[in-house]
Amino acid sequence: MPLDPSFIGRTYPPTEPYEVGREKIREFATAIGDANPAYRDPEAAKALGHPDVIAPPTFPFVLSYRAAAQVVEDPELGLDFSRVVHGDQKFAYTRPVRAGDRLSVVISIDAIKSLAGNDVLTVRGELLDDGGEHVVTSLMTLVARAATDEAGE
């Protein structure tokens, strides 16, 4: 059964603040193979005008993916996560994520559409610092693949 488009605009409660640590940034940068010194060395980051090390541009996925669990686990929405693949990810920054940030995420459903029997869901995550200031917007596209019969058709 297709997802109900009346869920477009539904917003979920903000997540508990996540404190961004230098070590988490370093681990993430290592995992993605990015040796930029601004991700590891506070002095290198300060030389670029930042108060501390900054996170790679895709780091907010860690927080937005966790927050998106509210959408995925919403029993009223009825999303079958066993059929979901991650389709796309975009970020729009106000400023870089920095070590020491305490970020909360407010998740909302931006779009629901059906394409070739698949449900395509766009989930927006607004990452805000502990002062309520916008840091980055995450747009995640999830595709719930159409169910097939036992013959795979």
N, C-alpha and C. Protein backbone atom coordinates (compact mmCIF):
# COMPACT_ATOMS: atom_id res chain seq x y z
N MET A 1 0.85 -1.17 0.00
CA MET A 1 0.00 0.00 0.00
C MET A 1 0.90 1.24 0.00
N PRO A 2 0.63 2.19 -0.88
CA PRO A 2 1.47 3.39 -0.94
C PRO A 2 1.39 4.20 0.35
N LEU A 3 2.45 4.96 0.60
CA LEU A 3 2.46 5.83 1.77
C LEU A 3 1.46 6.96 1.58
N ASP A 4 0.88 7.37 2.67
CA ASP A 4 -0.16 8.39 2.68
C ASP A 4 0.47 9.78 2.54
N PRO A 5 0.15 10.51 1.46
CA PRO A 5 0.75 11.83 1.27
C PRO A 5 0.30 12.86 2.31
N SER A 6 -0.71 12.54 3.12
CA SER A 6 -1.12 13.50 4.16
C SER A 6 -0.04 13.64 5.24
N PHE A 7 0.97 12.77 5.21
CA PHE A 7 2.07 12.87 6.17
C PHE A 7 3.07 13.96 5.77
N ILE A 8 2.98 14.48 4.56
CA ILE A 8 3.87 15.56 4.14
C ILE A 8 3.67 16.74 5.09
N GLY A 9 4.76 17.23 5.62
CA GLY A 9 4.71 18.34 6.58
C GLY A 9 4.75 17.89 8.03
N ARG A 10 4.58 16.60 8.27
CA ARG A 10 4.64 16.11 9.66
C ARG A 10 6.04 16.37 10.22
N THR A 11 6.08 16.95 11.41
CA THR A 11 7.34 17.25 12.08
C THR A 11 7.38 16.49 13.39
N TYR A 12 8.56 15.98 13.70
CA TYR A 12 8.77 15.17 14.89
C TYR A 12 9.52 15.98 15.95
N PRO A 13 9.44 15.58 17.20
CA PRO A 13 10.11 16.34 18.26
C PRO A 13 11.63 16.38 18.05
N PRO A 14 12.27 17.46 18.52
CA PRO A 14 13.73 17.56 18.38
C PRO A 14 14.43 16.44 19.16
N THR A 15 15.55 16.02 18.63
CA THR A 15 16.34 15.01 19.32
C THR A 15 17.04 15.64 20.52
N GLU A 16 17.51 14.79 21.41
CA GLU A 16 18.37 15.27 22.50
C GLU A 16 19.65 15.82 21.87
N PRO A 17 20.27 16.83 22.48
CA PRO A 17 21.50 17.38 21.91
C PRO A 17 22.61 16.33 21.80
N TYR A 18 23.31 16.40 20.70
CA TYR A 18 24.48 15.55 20.43
C TYR A 18 25.70 16.46 20.51
N GLU A 19 26.63 16.13 21.40
CA GLU A 19 27.83 16.94 21.50
C GLU A 19 28.88 16.42 20.52
N VAL A 20 29.25 17.27 19.60
CA VAL A 20 30.21 16.91 18.57
C VAL A 20 31.62 16.98 19.18
N GLY A 21 32.31 15.86 19.16
CA GLY A 21 33.64 15.80 19.75
C GLY A 21 34.73 15.74 18.69
N ARG A 22 35.91 16.22 19.07
CA ARG A 22 37.06 16.17 18.15
C ARG A 22 37.34 14.75 17.68
N GLU A 23 37.27 13.81 18.62
CA GLU A 23 37.59 12.42 18.27
C GLU A 23 36.58 11.85 17.29
N LYS A 24 35.30 12.17 17.46
CA LYS A 24 34.28 11.70 16.52
C LYS A 24 34.52 12.28 15.13
N ILE A 25 34.90 13.55 15.08
CA ILE A 25 35.20 14.18 13.79
C ILE A 25 36.39 13.49 13.15
N ARG A 26 37.45 13.26 13.94
CA ARG A 26 38.65 12.60 13.41
C ARG A 26 38.31 11.20 12.90
N GLU A 27 37.54 10.44 13.68
CA GLU A 27 37.15 9.09 13.27
C GLU A 27 36.36 9.11 11.97
N PHE A 28 35.44 10.06 11.85
CA PHE A 28 34.63 10.16 10.64
C PHE A 28 35.50 10.51 9.44
N ALA A 29 36.40 11.48 9.62
CA ALA A 29 37.29 11.88 8.53
C ALA A 29 38.16 10.71 8.09
N THR A 30 38.64 9.95 9.05
CA THR A 30 39.45 8.77 8.73
C THR A 30 38.61 7.74 7.97
N ALA A 31 37.39 7.53 8.42
CA ALA A 31 36.51 6.54 7.78
C ALA A 31 36.21 6.87 6.32
N ILE A 32 36.11 8.17 6.02
CA ILE A 32 35.81 8.55 4.64
C ILE A 32 37.09 8.84 3.83
N GLY A 33 38.24 8.71 4.49
CA GLY A 33 39.51 8.87 3.79
C GLY A 33 39.88 10.31 3.48
N ASP A 34 39.43 11.25 4.31
CA ASP A 34 39.73 12.67 4.08
C ASP A 34 40.77 13.14 5.08
N ALA A 35 41.94 13.49 4.58
CA ALA A 35 43.07 13.88 5.43
C ALA A 35 43.15 15.38 5.70
N ASN A 36 42.10 16.14 5.41
CA ASN A 36 42.12 17.59 5.62
C ASN A 36 42.52 17.89 7.06
N PRO A 37 43.59 18.67 7.27
CA PRO A 37 44.03 18.95 8.64
C PRO A 37 43.02 19.73 9.47
N ALA A 38 42.11 20.45 8.86
CA ALA A 38 41.09 21.19 9.61
C ALA A 38 40.14 20.25 10.35
N TYR A 39 40.13 18.96 9.97
CA TYR A 39 39.30 17.96 10.63
C TYR A 39 40.01 17.30 11.81
N ARG A 40 41.31 17.57 11.97
CA ARG A 40 42.11 16.89 12.98
C ARG A 40 42.90 17.82 13.90
N ASP A 41 43.34 18.92 13.38
CA ASP A 41 44.27 19.80 14.08
C ASP A 41 43.61 21.14 14.41
N PRO A 42 43.39 21.43 15.71
CA PRO A 42 42.75 22.70 16.07
C PRO A 42 43.48 23.93 15.52
N GLU A 43 44.82 23.87 15.47
CA GLU A 43 45.58 25.02 14.96
C GLU A 43 45.34 25.21 13.46
N ALA A 44 45.25 24.11 12.72
CA ALA A 44 44.96 24.21 11.28
C ALA A 44 43.57 24.80 11.06
N ALA A 45 42.61 24.38 11.90
CA ALA A 45 41.25 24.92 11.79
C ALA A 45 41.24 26.40 12.16
N LYS A 46 41.96 26.78 13.20
CA LYS A 46 42.01 28.19 13.61
C LYS A 46 42.64 29.05 12.52
N ALA A 47 43.64 28.50 11.83
CA ALA A 47 44.28 29.25 10.74
C ALA A 47 43.29 29.55 9.61
N LEU A 48 42.23 28.76 9.54
CA LEU A 48 41.18 28.97 8.53
C LEU A 48 40.01 29.80 9.08
N GLY A 49 40.16 30.26 10.33
CA GLY A 49 39.14 31.12 10.92
C GLY A 49 38.09 30.42 11.76
N HIS A 50 38.30 29.14 12.07
CA HIS A 50 37.34 28.39 12.88
C HIS A 50 37.83 28.33 14.33
N PRO A 51 36.91 28.28 15.30
CA PRO A 51 37.33 28.23 16.70
C PRO A 51 37.89 26.88 17.13
N ASP A 52 37.60 25.82 16.38
CA ASP A 52 38.08 24.48 16.69
C ASP A 52 38.01 23.67 15.40
N VAL A 53 38.34 22.39 15.50
CA VAL A 53 38.28 21.55 14.30
C VAL A 53 36.85 21.54 13.77
N ILE A 54 36.73 21.39 12.47
CA ILE A 54 35.42 21.32 11.82
C ILE A 54 35.20 19.91 11.30
N ALA A 55 33.96 19.59 11.07
CA ALA A 55 33.61 18.26 10.58
C ALA A 55 33.53 18.25 9.05
N PRO A 56 33.83 17.10 8.44
CA PRO A 56 33.63 16.98 7.00
C PRO A 56 32.18 17.28 6.63
N PRO A 57 31.94 17.72 5.42
CA PRO A 57 30.59 18.14 5.01
C PRO A 57 29.51 17.07 5.16
N THR A 58 29.87 15.79 5.11
CA THR A 58 28.85 14.75 5.22
C THR A 58 28.63 14.26 6.66
N PHE A 59 29.38 14.80 7.61
CA PHE A 59 29.25 14.39 9.02
C PHE A 59 27.82 14.49 9.55
N PRO A 60 27.03 15.50 9.19
CA PRO A 60 25.67 15.59 9.74
C PRO A 60 24.79 14.39 9.44
N PHE A 61 25.19 13.56 8.49
CA PHE A 61 24.43 12.33 8.22
C PHE A 61 24.32 11.50 9.48
N VAL A 62 25.37 11.47 10.29
CA VAL A 62 25.37 10.69 11.53
C VAL A 62 24.17 11.10 12.39
N LEU A 63 23.95 12.38 12.53
CA LEU A 63 22.87 12.88 13.37
C LEU A 63 21.51 12.79 12.69
N SER A 64 21.46 13.15 11.41
CA SER A 64 20.16 13.16 10.71
C SER A 64 19.64 11.74 10.51
N TYR A 65 20.52 10.78 10.30
CA TYR A 65 20.09 9.39 10.13
C TYR A 65 19.47 8.87 11.42
N ARG A 66 20.14 9.17 12.56
CA ARG A 66 19.57 8.75 13.85
C ARG A 66 18.20 9.38 14.06
N ALA A 67 18.09 10.66 13.77
CA ALA A 67 16.83 11.38 13.97
C ALA A 67 15.73 10.85 13.04
N ALA A 68 16.11 10.42 11.84
CA ALA A 68 15.14 9.91 10.87
C ALA A 68 14.48 8.62 11.36
N ALA A 69 15.04 8.01 12.38
CA ALA A 69 14.42 6.81 12.95
C ALA A 69 13.00 7.13 13.42
N GLN A 70 12.74 8.38 13.81
CA GLN A 70 11.39 8.76 14.23
C GLN A 70 10.39 8.58 13.09
N VAL A 71 10.83 8.86 11.88
CA VAL A 71 9.97 8.69 10.70
C VAL A 71 9.84 7.20 10.39
N VAL A 72 10.95 6.53 10.32
CA VAL A 72 10.99 5.12 9.95
C VAL A 72 10.15 4.28 10.92
N GLU A 73 10.20 4.63 12.22
CA GLU A 73 9.51 3.85 13.24
C GLU A 73 8.09 4.35 13.53
N ASP A 74 7.62 5.36 12.80
CA ASP A 74 6.28 5.89 13.02
C ASP A 74 5.26 4.85 12.55
N PRO A 75 4.54 4.23 13.48
CA PRO A 75 3.61 3.18 13.07
C PRO A 75 2.47 3.69 12.20
N GLU A 76 2.11 4.96 12.35
CA GLU A 76 1.03 5.52 11.54
C GLU A 76 1.44 5.66 10.08
N LEU A 77 2.72 5.94 9.84
CA LEU A 77 3.21 6.08 8.46
C LEU A 77 3.21 4.74 7.75
N GLY A 78 3.61 3.69 8.45
CA GLY A 78 3.58 2.34 7.87
C GLY A 78 4.68 2.05 6.87
N LEU A 79 5.83 2.66 7.04
CA LEU A 79 6.96 2.42 6.15
C LEU A 79 7.58 1.05 6.45
N ASP A 80 7.74 0.21 5.45
CA ASP A 80 8.37 -1.10 5.62
C ASP A 80 9.87 -0.93 5.41
N PHE A 81 10.61 -0.77 6.51
CA PHE A 81 12.03 -0.46 6.43
C PHE A 81 12.83 -1.59 5.77
N SER A 82 12.32 -2.80 5.79
CA SER A 82 13.04 -3.91 5.15
C SER A 82 13.11 -3.72 3.63
N ARG A 83 12.31 -2.81 3.08
CA ARG A 83 12.29 -2.57 1.65
C ARG A 83 12.94 -1.23 1.28
N VAL A 84 13.53 -0.53 2.29
CA VAL A 84 14.04 0.82 2.08
C VAL A 84 15.52 0.81 1.69
N VAL A 85 15.82 1.64 0.70
CA VAL A 85 17.21 1.94 0.34
C VAL A 85 17.39 3.45 0.41
N HIS A 86 18.62 3.85 0.70
CA HIS A 86 18.96 5.27 0.78
C HIS A 86 19.19 5.76 -0.63
N GLY A 87 18.37 6.70 -1.09
CA GLY A 87 18.43 7.13 -2.48
C GLY A 87 19.33 8.33 -2.73
N ASP A 88 19.35 9.30 -1.81
CA ASP A 88 20.10 10.53 -2.05
C ASP A 88 20.30 11.24 -0.73
N GLN A 89 21.29 12.12 -0.71
CA GLN A 89 21.58 12.92 0.49
C GLN A 89 22.13 14.25 0.06
N LYS A 90 21.60 15.33 0.63
CA LYS A 90 22.10 16.67 0.34
C LYS A 90 22.20 17.44 1.65
N PHE A 91 23.10 18.44 1.67
CA PHE A 91 23.26 19.29 2.84
C PHE A 91 23.30 20.74 2.39
N ALA A 92 22.69 21.61 3.19
CA ALA A 92 22.74 23.05 2.95
C ALA A 92 23.19 23.69 4.26
N TYR A 93 24.36 24.32 4.21
CA TYR A 93 25.01 24.83 5.41
C TYR A 93 24.79 26.31 5.65
N THR A 94 24.63 26.68 6.93
CA THR A 94 24.75 28.06 7.37
C THR A 94 26.19 28.29 7.82
N ARG A 95 26.75 27.28 8.49
CA ARG A 95 28.15 27.30 8.91
C ARG A 95 28.61 25.87 9.11
N PRO A 96 29.94 25.64 9.17
CA PRO A 96 30.42 24.28 9.40
C PRO A 96 30.05 23.75 10.79
N VAL A 97 29.95 22.45 10.89
CA VAL A 97 29.81 21.79 12.19
C VAL A 97 31.19 21.81 12.84
N ARG A 98 31.23 22.18 14.12
CA ARG A 98 32.51 22.32 14.83
C ARG A 98 32.54 21.45 16.07
N ALA A 99 33.74 21.04 16.47
CA ALA A 99 33.90 20.34 17.74
C ALA A 99 33.36 21.26 18.83
N GLY A 100 32.62 20.67 19.75
CA GLY A 100 32.02 21.43 20.83
C GLY A 100 30.58 21.82 20.57
N ASP A 101 30.13 21.74 19.32
CA ASP A 101 28.72 22.02 19.03
C ASP A 101 27.85 21.02 19.77
N ARG A 102 26.73 21.49 20.24
CA ARG A 102 25.68 20.63 20.79
C ARG A 102 24.50 20.80 19.85
N LEU A 103 24.24 19.77 19.04
CA LEU A 103 23.27 19.87 17.96
C LEU A 103 22.05 18.99 18.21
N SER A 104 20.89 19.57 17.97
CA SER A 104 19.63 18.83 17.98
C SER A 104 19.11 18.82 16.55
N VAL A 105 18.31 17.81 16.26
CA VAL A 105 17.77 17.67 14.91
C VAL A 105 16.24 17.65 14.99
N VAL A 106 15.63 18.48 14.17
CA VAL A 106 14.17 18.45 14.01
C VAL A 106 13.91 17.84 12.64
N ILE A 107 13.23 16.71 12.65
CA ILE A 107 12.97 15.95 11.43
C ILE A 107 11.54 16.21 10.96
N SER A 108 11.39 16.35 9.65
CA SER A 108 10.05 16.47 9.07
C SER A 108 10.01 15.75 7.73
N ILE A 109 8.81 15.42 7.32
CA ILE A 109 8.61 14.77 6.02
C ILE A 109 8.32 15.86 5.00
N ASP A 110 9.21 16.00 4.03
CA ASP A 110 9.08 17.04 3.00
C ASP A 110 8.25 16.60 1.81
N ALA A 111 8.36 15.33 1.44
CA ALA A 111 7.67 14.87 0.23
C ALA A 111 7.44 13.36 0.31
N ILE A 112 6.35 12.95 -0.29
CA ILE A 112 6.05 11.53 -0.50
C ILE A 112 5.49 11.43 -1.91
N LYS A 113 6.10 10.58 -2.70
CA LYS A 113 5.55 10.35 -4.04
C LYS A 113 5.75 8.90 -4.43
N SER A 114 5.02 8.48 -5.40
CA SER A 114 5.11 7.12 -5.89
C SER A 114 5.69 7.16 -7.29
N LEU A 115 6.74 6.36 -7.50
CA LEU A 115 7.39 6.26 -8.82
C LEU A 115 7.55 4.78 -9.16
N ALA A 116 6.94 4.37 -10.23
CA ALA A 116 7.03 2.98 -10.70
C ALA A 116 6.71 1.98 -9.60
N GLY A 117 5.73 2.31 -8.77
CA GLY A 117 5.33 1.42 -7.69
C GLY A 117 6.16 1.56 -6.42
N ASN A 118 7.24 2.33 -6.47
CA ASN A 118 8.07 2.57 -5.30
C ASN A 118 7.62 3.84 -4.60
N ASP A 119 7.70 3.84 -3.27
CA ASP A 119 7.44 5.06 -2.50
C ASP A 119 8.75 5.80 -2.31
N VAL A 120 8.75 7.09 -2.63
CA VAL A 120 9.94 7.92 -2.47
C VAL A 120 9.60 8.96 -1.41
N LEU A 121 10.38 8.96 -0.35
CA LEU A 121 10.13 9.79 0.82
C LEU A 121 11.31 10.73 1.01
N THR A 122 11.05 12.02 1.10
CA THR A 122 12.10 13.00 1.38
C THR A 122 11.96 13.46 2.82
N VAL A 123 13.03 13.29 3.58
CA VAL A 123 13.05 13.63 4.99
C VAL A 123 14.03 14.78 5.19
N ARG A 124 13.54 15.84 5.81
CA ARG A 124 14.36 17.04 6.08
C ARG A 124 14.77 17.02 7.55
N GLY A 125 16.05 17.26 7.78
CA GLY A 125 16.55 17.40 9.14
C GLY A 125 17.16 18.79 9.31
N GLU A 126 16.63 19.55 10.24
CA GLU A 126 17.19 20.87 10.56
C GLU A 126 18.06 20.70 11.78
N LEU A 127 19.38 20.88 11.62
CA LEU A 127 20.32 20.76 12.72
C LEU A 127 20.54 22.13 13.32
N LEU A 128 20.24 22.24 14.61
CA LEU A 128 20.30 23.51 15.32
C LEU A 128 21.27 23.39 16.48
N ASP A 129 22.01 24.47 16.75
CA ASP A 129 22.91 24.44 17.91
C ASP A 129 22.12 24.70 19.19
N ASP A 130 22.80 24.65 20.34
CA ASP A 130 22.08 24.77 21.60
C ASP A 130 21.50 26.15 21.83
N GLY A 131 21.86 27.12 20.99
CA GLY A 131 21.24 28.43 21.04
C GLY A 131 20.06 28.55 20.10
N GLY A 132 19.73 27.45 19.41
CA GLY A 132 18.61 27.45 18.47
C GLY A 132 18.96 27.98 17.09
N GLU A 133 20.25 28.25 16.86
CA GLU A 133 20.68 28.76 15.56
C GLU A 133 20.85 27.62 14.56
N HIS A 134 20.42 27.86 13.33
CA HIS A 134 20.54 26.87 12.26
C HIS A 134 22.01 26.66 11.91
N VAL A 135 22.40 25.40 11.76
CA VAL A 135 23.76 25.05 11.35
C VAL A 135 23.73 24.44 9.95
N VAL A 136 22.88 23.44 9.76
CA VAL A 136 22.83 22.76 8.47
C VAL A 136 21.46 22.09 8.30
N THR A 137 21.03 22.01 7.05
CA THR A 137 19.83 21.27 6.70
C THR A 137 20.27 20.02 5.95
N SER A 138 19.72 18.90 6.35
CA SER A 138 19.99 17.62 5.70
C SER A 138 18.73 17.20 4.96
N LEU A 139 18.86 16.86 3.69
CA LEU A 139 17.75 16.31 2.92
C LEU A 139 18.09 14.88 2.52
N MET A 140 17.32 13.95 3.01
CA MET A 140 17.57 12.52 2.78
C MET A 140 16.41 11.94 1.98
N THR A 141 16.73 11.24 0.91
CA THR A 141 15.70 10.57 0.12
C THR A 141 15.77 9.08 0.41
N LEU A 142 14.63 8.55 0.81
CA LEU A 142 14.51 7.11 1.07
C LEU A 142 13.56 6.54 0.04
N VAL A 143 13.91 5.38 -0.50
CA VAL A 143 13.08 4.72 -1.49
C VAL A 143 12.62 3.38 -0.90
N ALA A 144 11.31 3.24 -0.76
CA ALA A 144 10.74 1.97 -0.31
C ALA A 144 10.36 1.21 -1.57
N ARG A 145 11.15 0.19 -1.86
CA ARG A 145 10.95 -0.59 -3.09
C ARG A 145 9.59 -1.29 -3.07
N ALA A 146 9.01 -1.35 -4.24
CA ALA A 146 7.71 -2.00 -4.38
C ALA A 146 7.83 -3.48 -4.01
N ALA A 147 6.80 -3.98 -3.40
CA ALA A 147 6.77 -5.41 -3.08
C ALA A 147 6.62 -6.20 -4.38
N THR A 148 7.25 -7.35 -4.43
CA THR A 148 7.13 -8.22 -5.59
C THR A 148 6.48 -9.52 -5.16
N ASP A 149 5.89 -10.23 -6.11
CA ASP A 149 5.34 -11.53 -5.74
C ASP A 149 6.45 -12.55 -5.64
N GLU A 150 6.13 -13.76 -5.30
CA GLU A 150 7.16 -14.78 -5.08
C GLU A 150 7.96 -15.09 -6.33
N ALA A 151 7.43 -14.80 -7.51
CA ALA A 151 8.17 -15.05 -8.75
C ALA A 151 9.12 -13.90 -9.06
N GLY A 152 9.10 -12.85 -8.20
CA GLY A 152 10.00 -11.71 -8.42
C GLY A 152 9.45 -10.70 -9.38
N GLU A 153 8.16 -10.80 -9.69
CA GLU A 153 7.53 -9.89 -10.65
C GLU A 153 6.78 -8.78 -9.97
